């Protein structure tokens, strides 16, 4: 039995896989821990896995491998991953960001290795989703591709020449922290002012605009002109980020997921496609933007992809 763990800035989800295909059982989710000691997320995972085992009548001792798809960035402490996620660690941007802790990092891999004796693999959640999309989803057969999540935050998994890019600490693809605007009042949890995530991330939309993405899109669908203008601007910013990776990496296809995008893909996808269309065709022609083939299950299968 394997534990599949998905750590996001808003929620933490766990499920179990027996090794027989893609079946996931015992799925549980709850808000990501952000109070207490800086190992709170790791302790939450261990508790939730044990509870998932109880739900389906499995002895927890049978679950000795874990795949962890997590929001980053990561830092390495003695070679083991700790989280420095702007949406989890409140010490990065300070009290102005409003998180209820002063963590600079959240300990993760070390306590998990104490629990899962046969191995733990931790990857950025967008990299994990990229692997899932390449194995089972919309990126099958593509050697030059990316997965981009537009959710609480903005993350990217990148693949060039068939090689998934990871970087020195496993942080390649943190395109949410690119600067694409001169905005001087949008504070990201990482401490940047005016990066992509600070402008269009799900929590940034609610913080900056006074309405969460669902409310904003409801107003758009009702035809409210001011809401349409706001969403057009969000798509312009996100489109710049997609353009940047498309021309930098000479990509064939970008698969898009995450709650903000997936819940509104019929409206957002054509507007994001317009942001690439016609711009430097020598580099953008032939680069497709598509919805994730795994849909809203991409996060579920991301951690499993680390273990097969």
Protein backbone atom coordinates (compact mmCIF):
# COMPACT_ATOMS: atom_id res chain seq x y z
CA UNK A 1 0.00 0.00 0.00
CA UNK A 2 1.14 3.52 -0.84
CA UNK A 3 0.13 6.90 0.55
CA UNK A 4 -0.60 9.64 -1.97
CA UNK A 5 -0.34 13.09 -0.41
CA UNK A 6 -1.24 16.44 -1.96
CA UNK A 7 -0.21 19.55 0.01
CA UNK A 8 -1.72 22.82 -1.14
CA UNK A 9 -1.83 26.26 0.33
CA UNK A 10 -5.52 25.82 1.14
CA UNK A 11 -6.09 22.11 1.65
CA UNK A 12 -4.19 18.91 2.32
CA UNK A 13 -5.47 15.66 0.80
CA UNK A 14 -4.40 12.05 1.32
CA UNK A 15 -5.47 8.81 -0.32
CA UNK A 16 -4.22 5.24 -0.57
CA UNK A 17 -3.28 3.09 -3.56
CA UNK A 18 -2.78 -0.68 -3.51
CA UNK A 19 -0.58 -0.70 -6.59
CA UNK A 20 -3.45 -1.98 -8.72
CA UNK A 21 -3.93 0.68 -11.39
CA UNK A 22 -5.19 4.17 -10.62
CA UNK A 23 -7.67 3.24 -7.89
CA UNK A 24 -7.46 5.54 -4.88
CA UNK A 25 -9.24 4.67 -1.64
CA UNK A 26 -9.69 6.22 1.78
CA UNK A 27 -9.50 9.74 0.40
CA UNK A 28 -9.53 12.50 3.00
CA UNK A 29 -8.96 16.25 2.85
CA UNK A 30 -8.92 19.11 5.31
CA UNK A 31 -7.48 22.63 5.54
CA UNK A 32 -3.68 22.66 5.56
CA UNK A 33 -2.29 23.10 9.08
CA UNK A 34 -0.85 26.59 9.63
CA UNK A 35 -0.64 26.86 13.41
CA UNK A 36 1.48 25.25 16.08
CA UNK A 37 5.04 24.01 15.62
CA UNK A 38 6.69 24.04 12.22
CA UNK A 39 6.29 20.24 11.86
CA UNK A 40 2.49 20.63 12.03
CA UNK A 41 1.96 19.77 8.36
CA UNK A 42 4.00 16.56 8.62
CA UNK A 43 2.13 15.52 11.76
CA UNK A 44 -1.18 16.29 10.03
CA UNK A 45 -0.20 14.01 7.12
CA UNK A 46 0.72 11.11 9.39
CA UNK A 47 -2.56 11.44 11.31
CA UNK A 48 -4.63 11.65 8.12
CA UNK A 49 -2.97 8.60 6.57
CA UNK A 50 -3.68 6.58 9.69
CA UNK A 51 -7.30 7.79 9.64
CA UNK A 52 -7.62 6.90 5.94
CA UNK A 53 -6.39 3.39 6.77
CA UNK A 54 -9.00 3.09 9.50
CA UNK A 55 -11.72 4.25 7.09
CA UNK A 56 -11.05 1.34 4.71
CA UNK A 57 -9.99 -1.27 7.26
CA UNK A 58 -6.28 -1.35 6.43
CA UNK A 59 -3.57 -1.85 9.04
CA UNK A 60 -1.53 1.40 8.92
CA UNK A 61 1.69 -0.62 9.16
CA UNK A 62 1.03 -1.83 5.59
CA UNK A 63 1.49 1.72 4.26
CA UNK A 64 5.24 2.23 4.10
CA UNK A 65 5.75 4.31 0.91
CA UNK A 66 4.59 7.85 0.30
CA UNK A 67 4.48 10.17 -2.67
CA UNK A 68 4.14 13.82 -1.74
CA UNK A 69 3.08 16.46 -4.25
CA UNK A 70 3.51 19.76 -2.46
CA UNK A 71 3.31 23.47 -2.99
CA UNK A 72 6.82 24.91 -2.85
CA UNK A 73 9.35 26.36 -2.86
CA UNK A 74 11.53 23.84 -1.06
CA UNK A 75 14.70 24.28 0.95
CA UNK A 76 16.98 21.39 1.80
CA UNK A 77 18.08 20.75 5.38
CA UNK A 78 20.69 17.96 5.54
CA UNK A 79 19.42 16.89 2.13
CA UNK A 80 15.78 16.62 3.23
CA UNK A 81 12.94 18.81 1.99
CA UNK A 82 11.39 21.54 4.10
CA UNK A 83 8.62 23.75 2.77
CA UNK A 84 9.07 27.48 2.26
CA UNK A 85 5.62 27.92 0.75
CA UNK A 86 4.32 31.51 0.69
CA UNK A 87 0.80 30.25 1.36
CA UNK A 88 1.80 28.14 4.37
CA UNK A 89 4.79 29.84 6.02
CA UNK A 90 3.87 33.21 7.51
CA UNK A 91 7.40 34.26 8.37
CA UNK A 92 8.33 34.86 4.72
CA UNK A 93 6.27 38.00 4.14
CA UNK A 94 5.55 38.84 7.78
CA UNK A 95 2.32 39.81 9.53
CA UNK A 96 1.05 41.88 6.59
CA UNK A 97 0.34 38.64 4.73
CA UNK A 98 -2.08 37.54 7.45
CA UNK A 99 -0.93 33.94 8.02
CA UNK A 100 -1.21 32.72 11.64
CA UNK A 101 2.41 31.64 12.10
CA UNK A 102 5.95 32.94 11.86
CA UNK A 103 7.44 29.88 10.17
CA UNK A 104 10.25 30.42 7.69
CA UNK A 105 10.00 26.73 6.76
CA UNK A 106 7.75 23.80 7.58
CA UNK A 107 9.60 20.56 8.33
CA UNK A 108 8.34 17.83 6.03
CA UNK A 109 10.51 15.03 4.70
CA UNK A 110 12.41 14.17 7.90
CA UNK A 111 9.35 13.23 10.02
CA UNK A 112 7.72 11.47 7.06
CA UNK A 113 10.78 9.26 6.59
CA UNK A 114 10.44 8.22 10.21
CA UNK A 115 6.90 7.02 9.45
CA UNK A 116 7.23 5.62 5.90
CA UNK A 117 10.21 3.28 6.14
CA UNK A 118 10.27 2.07 2.53
CA UNK A 119 10.64 5.51 1.04
CA UNK A 120 9.27 9.01 0.58
CA UNK A 121 9.42 10.97 -2.65
CA UNK A 122 8.66 14.69 -2.45
CA UNK A 123 8.19 16.83 -5.55
CA UNK A 124 6.70 20.18 -6.32
CA UNK A 125 2.98 19.75 -6.93
CA UNK A 126 3.16 21.19 -10.46
CA UNK A 127 6.06 18.86 -11.33
CA UNK A 128 4.05 15.94 -9.94
CA UNK A 129 1.00 16.99 -11.95
CA UNK A 130 3.22 17.29 -15.03
CA UNK A 131 4.31 13.68 -14.54
CA UNK A 132 0.68 12.59 -14.12
CA UNK A 133 -0.41 14.49 -17.25
CA UNK A 134 2.49 12.99 -19.25
CA UNK A 135 1.62 9.49 -18.07
CA UNK A 136 -2.21 9.54 -18.18
CA UNK A 137 -3.44 12.96 -19.32
CA UNK A 138 -3.20 15.67 -21.97
CA UNK A 139 0.61 15.67 -22.24
CA UNK A 140 1.04 12.04 -23.33
CA UNK A 141 3.53 11.87 -26.20
CA UNK A 142 4.90 15.41 -25.77
CA UNK A 143 8.61 15.98 -25.04
CA UNK A 144 8.42 19.78 -24.85
CA UNK A 145 5.56 20.65 -22.52
CA UNK A 146 4.43 22.19 -19.27
CA UNK A 147 1.72 21.86 -16.66
CA UNK A 148 0.52 25.13 -15.11
CA UNK A 149 -1.76 25.32 -12.10
CA UNK A 150 -3.90 28.39 -11.45
CA UNK A 151 -5.24 27.80 -7.97
CA UNK A 152 -4.54 29.28 -4.53
CA UNK A 153 -1.13 29.99 -6.03
CA UNK A 154 0.40 29.69 -9.48
CA UNK A 155 2.88 26.88 -10.21
CA UNK A 156 4.53 25.28 -13.21
CA UNK A 157 6.06 21.93 -14.09
CA UNK A 158 8.39 22.10 -17.10
CA UNK A 159 9.68 19.46 -19.51
CA UNK A 160 12.16 20.04 -22.35
CA UNK A 161 13.63 17.36 -24.63
CA UNK A 162 11.73 14.77 -22.61
CA UNK A 163 13.48 15.79 -19.40
CA UNK A 164 11.50 17.15 -16.46
CA UNK A 165 13.30 20.21 -15.07
CA UNK A 166 13.91 20.24 -11.32
CA UNK A 167 16.81 22.54 -10.46
CA UNK A 168 19.25 22.58 -7.58
CA UNK A 169 16.60 22.29 -4.82
CA UNK A 170 13.70 20.90 -6.83
CA UNK A 171 12.28 24.37 -7.39
CA UNK A 172 12.40 24.73 -11.18
CA UNK A 173 9.07 26.00 -12.47
CA UNK A 174 8.19 28.55 -9.80
CA UNK A 175 6.82 30.85 -12.48
CA UNK A 176 4.27 32.22 -10.07
CA UNK A 177 7.05 34.39 -8.69
CA UNK A 178 8.01 35.94 -12.03
CA UNK A 179 7.47 39.68 -12.35
CA UNK A 180 5.13 40.48 -15.23
CA UNK A 181 3.74 43.83 -14.06
CA UNK A 182 4.78 47.09 -12.44
CA UNK A 183 2.11 46.70 -9.77
CA UNK A 184 3.46 48.06 -6.49
CA UNK A 185 0.80 47.08 -3.96
CA UNK A 186 0.12 43.34 -4.48
CA UNK A 187 2.01 41.52 -1.71
CA UNK A 188 2.82 37.87 -2.33
CA UNK A 189 3.33 35.49 0.56
CA UNK A 190 6.94 35.11 -0.55
CA UNK A 191 7.55 38.81 0.13
CA UNK A 192 7.56 39.92 -3.52
CA UNK A 193 5.32 42.77 -4.52
CA UNK A 194 3.65 42.42 -7.91
CA UNK A 195 4.64 38.93 -9.03
CA UNK A 196 2.23 36.65 -10.93
CA UNK A 197 0.89 34.88 -7.85
CA UNK A 198 0.36 38.15 -5.98
CA UNK A 199 -1.73 39.41 -8.88
CA UNK A 200 -3.80 36.40 -10.01
CA UNK A 201 -3.48 33.61 -7.42
CA UNK A 202 -6.79 32.56 -5.90
CA UNK A 203 -6.05 34.04 -2.49
CA UNK A 204 -4.65 37.21 -4.08
CA UNK A 205 -7.86 37.76 -6.04
CA UNK A 206 -9.91 37.66 -2.86
CA UNK A 207 -7.42 39.81 -0.95
CA UNK A 208 -6.95 42.46 -3.65
CA UNK A 209 -10.40 42.62 -5.17
CA UNK A 210 -12.68 41.90 -2.24
CA UNK A 211 -14.33 38.90 -3.92
CA UNK A 212 -13.15 35.34 -4.32
CA UNK A 213 -12.76 33.82 -7.76
CA UNK A 214 -16.12 32.05 -7.62
CA UNK A 215 -17.97 35.27 -6.78
CA UNK A 216 -16.06 37.22 -9.39
CA UNK A 217 -16.85 34.67 -12.10
CA UNK A 218 -20.53 34.63 -11.09
CA UNK A 219 -20.58 38.38 -11.72
CA UNK A 220 -18.82 37.85 -15.06
CA UNK A 221 -21.40 35.29 -16.17
CA UNK A 222 -24.14 37.73 -15.18
CA UNK A 223 -22.63 40.19 -17.65
CA UNK A 224 -21.26 42.73 -15.17
CA UNK A 225 -18.91 44.93 -17.19
CA UNK A 226 -16.58 45.81 -14.31
CA UNK A 227 -16.10 42.14 -13.40
CA UNK A 228 -15.41 41.25 -17.04
CA UNK A 229 -12.74 43.95 -17.18
CA UNK A 230 -11.12 42.57 -14.02
CA UNK A 231 -11.02 39.01 -15.35
CA UNK A 232 -9.66 40.22 -18.69
CA UNK A 233 -6.81 41.85 -16.77
CA UNK A 234 -6.18 38.65 -14.78
CA UNK A 235 -6.00 36.73 -18.07
CA UNK A 236 -3.60 39.32 -19.48
CA UNK A 237 -1.24 38.80 -16.54
CA UNK A 238 -1.54 35.01 -16.61
CA UNK A 239 -1.20 35.08 -20.40
CA UNK A 240 2.11 36.93 -20.09
CA UNK A 241 3.40 34.20 -17.79
CA UNK A 242 2.33 31.51 -20.27
CA UNK A 243 3.89 33.43 -23.15
CA UNK A 244 7.15 33.71 -21.22
CA UNK A 245 7.52 29.98 -20.69
CA UNK A 246 6.32 29.16 -24.21
CA UNK A 247 9.01 31.29 -25.87
CA UNK A 248 11.72 30.53 -23.33
CA UNK A 249 11.36 26.75 -23.62
CA UNK A 250 9.97 26.38 -27.18
CA UNK A 251 7.01 24.32 -25.97
CA UNK A 252 4.54 22.19 -27.91
CA UNK A 253 1.74 22.09 -25.35
CA UNK A 254 0.81 23.59 -21.99
CA UNK A 255 -1.77 21.77 -19.86
CA UNK A 256 -3.71 23.94 -17.43
CA UNK A 257 -5.26 22.93 -14.12
CA UNK A 258 -5.94 24.20 -10.61
CA UNK A 259 -9.23 25.22 -9.06
CA UNK A 260 -9.42 28.77 -10.41
CA UNK A 261 -8.83 27.57 -13.97
CA UNK A 262 -10.69 24.24 -13.89
CA UNK A 263 -13.86 25.68 -12.36
CA UNK A 264 -13.99 28.33 -15.10
CA UNK A 265 -12.11 26.76 -18.00
CA UNK A 266 -14.86 27.39 -20.56
CA UNK A 267 -14.48 31.14 -20.00
CA UNK A 268 -10.76 31.42 -19.21
CA UNK A 269 -9.18 29.07 -21.76
CA UNK A 270 -10.08 31.01 -24.92
CA UNK A 271 -8.97 34.26 -23.31
CA UNK A 272 -5.63 32.78 -22.31
CA UNK A 273 -5.22 31.35 -25.81
CA UNK A 274 -5.76 34.86 -27.18
CA UNK A 275 -2.80 36.08 -25.12
CA UNK A 276 -0.45 33.83 -27.11
CA UNK A 277 -2.12 33.94 -30.50
CA UNK A 278 -0.19 36.07 -33.00
CA UNK A 279 2.61 37.08 -30.64
CA UNK A 280 6.01 36.16 -32.16
CA UNK A 281 4.62 33.29 -34.23
CA UNK A 282 8.05 31.79 -34.84
CA UNK A 283 8.02 30.77 -31.17
CA UNK A 284 4.35 30.59 -30.24
CA UNK A 285 2.87 28.95 -33.33
CA UNK A 286 2.39 25.27 -32.63
CA UNK A 287 2.21 25.77 -28.85
CA UNK A 288 -1.22 24.65 -27.66
CA UNK A 289 -2.95 25.65 -24.45
CA UNK A 290 -5.30 22.89 -23.27
CA UNK A 291 -7.21 21.94 -20.15
CA UNK A 292 -5.63 19.19 -18.05
CA UNK A 293 -6.64 15.79 -19.37
CA UNK A 294 -7.11 14.54 -15.81
CA UNK A 295 -9.41 17.44 -15.01
CA UNK A 296 -10.05 18.06 -11.35
CA UNK A 297 -8.41 14.71 -10.49
CA UNK A 298 -4.95 15.86 -11.58
CA UNK A 299 -4.02 16.66 -7.99
CA UNK A 300 -5.16 13.21 -6.85
CA UNK A 301 -3.02 11.44 -9.42
CA UNK A 302 -0.03 13.75 -9.11
CA UNK A 303 1.27 12.06 -5.95
CA UNK A 304 0.56 8.61 -7.38
CA UNK A 305 2.66 9.44 -10.45
CA UNK A 306 5.67 9.78 -8.13
CA UNK A 307 5.35 6.15 -7.05
CA UNK A 308 4.88 4.26 -10.35
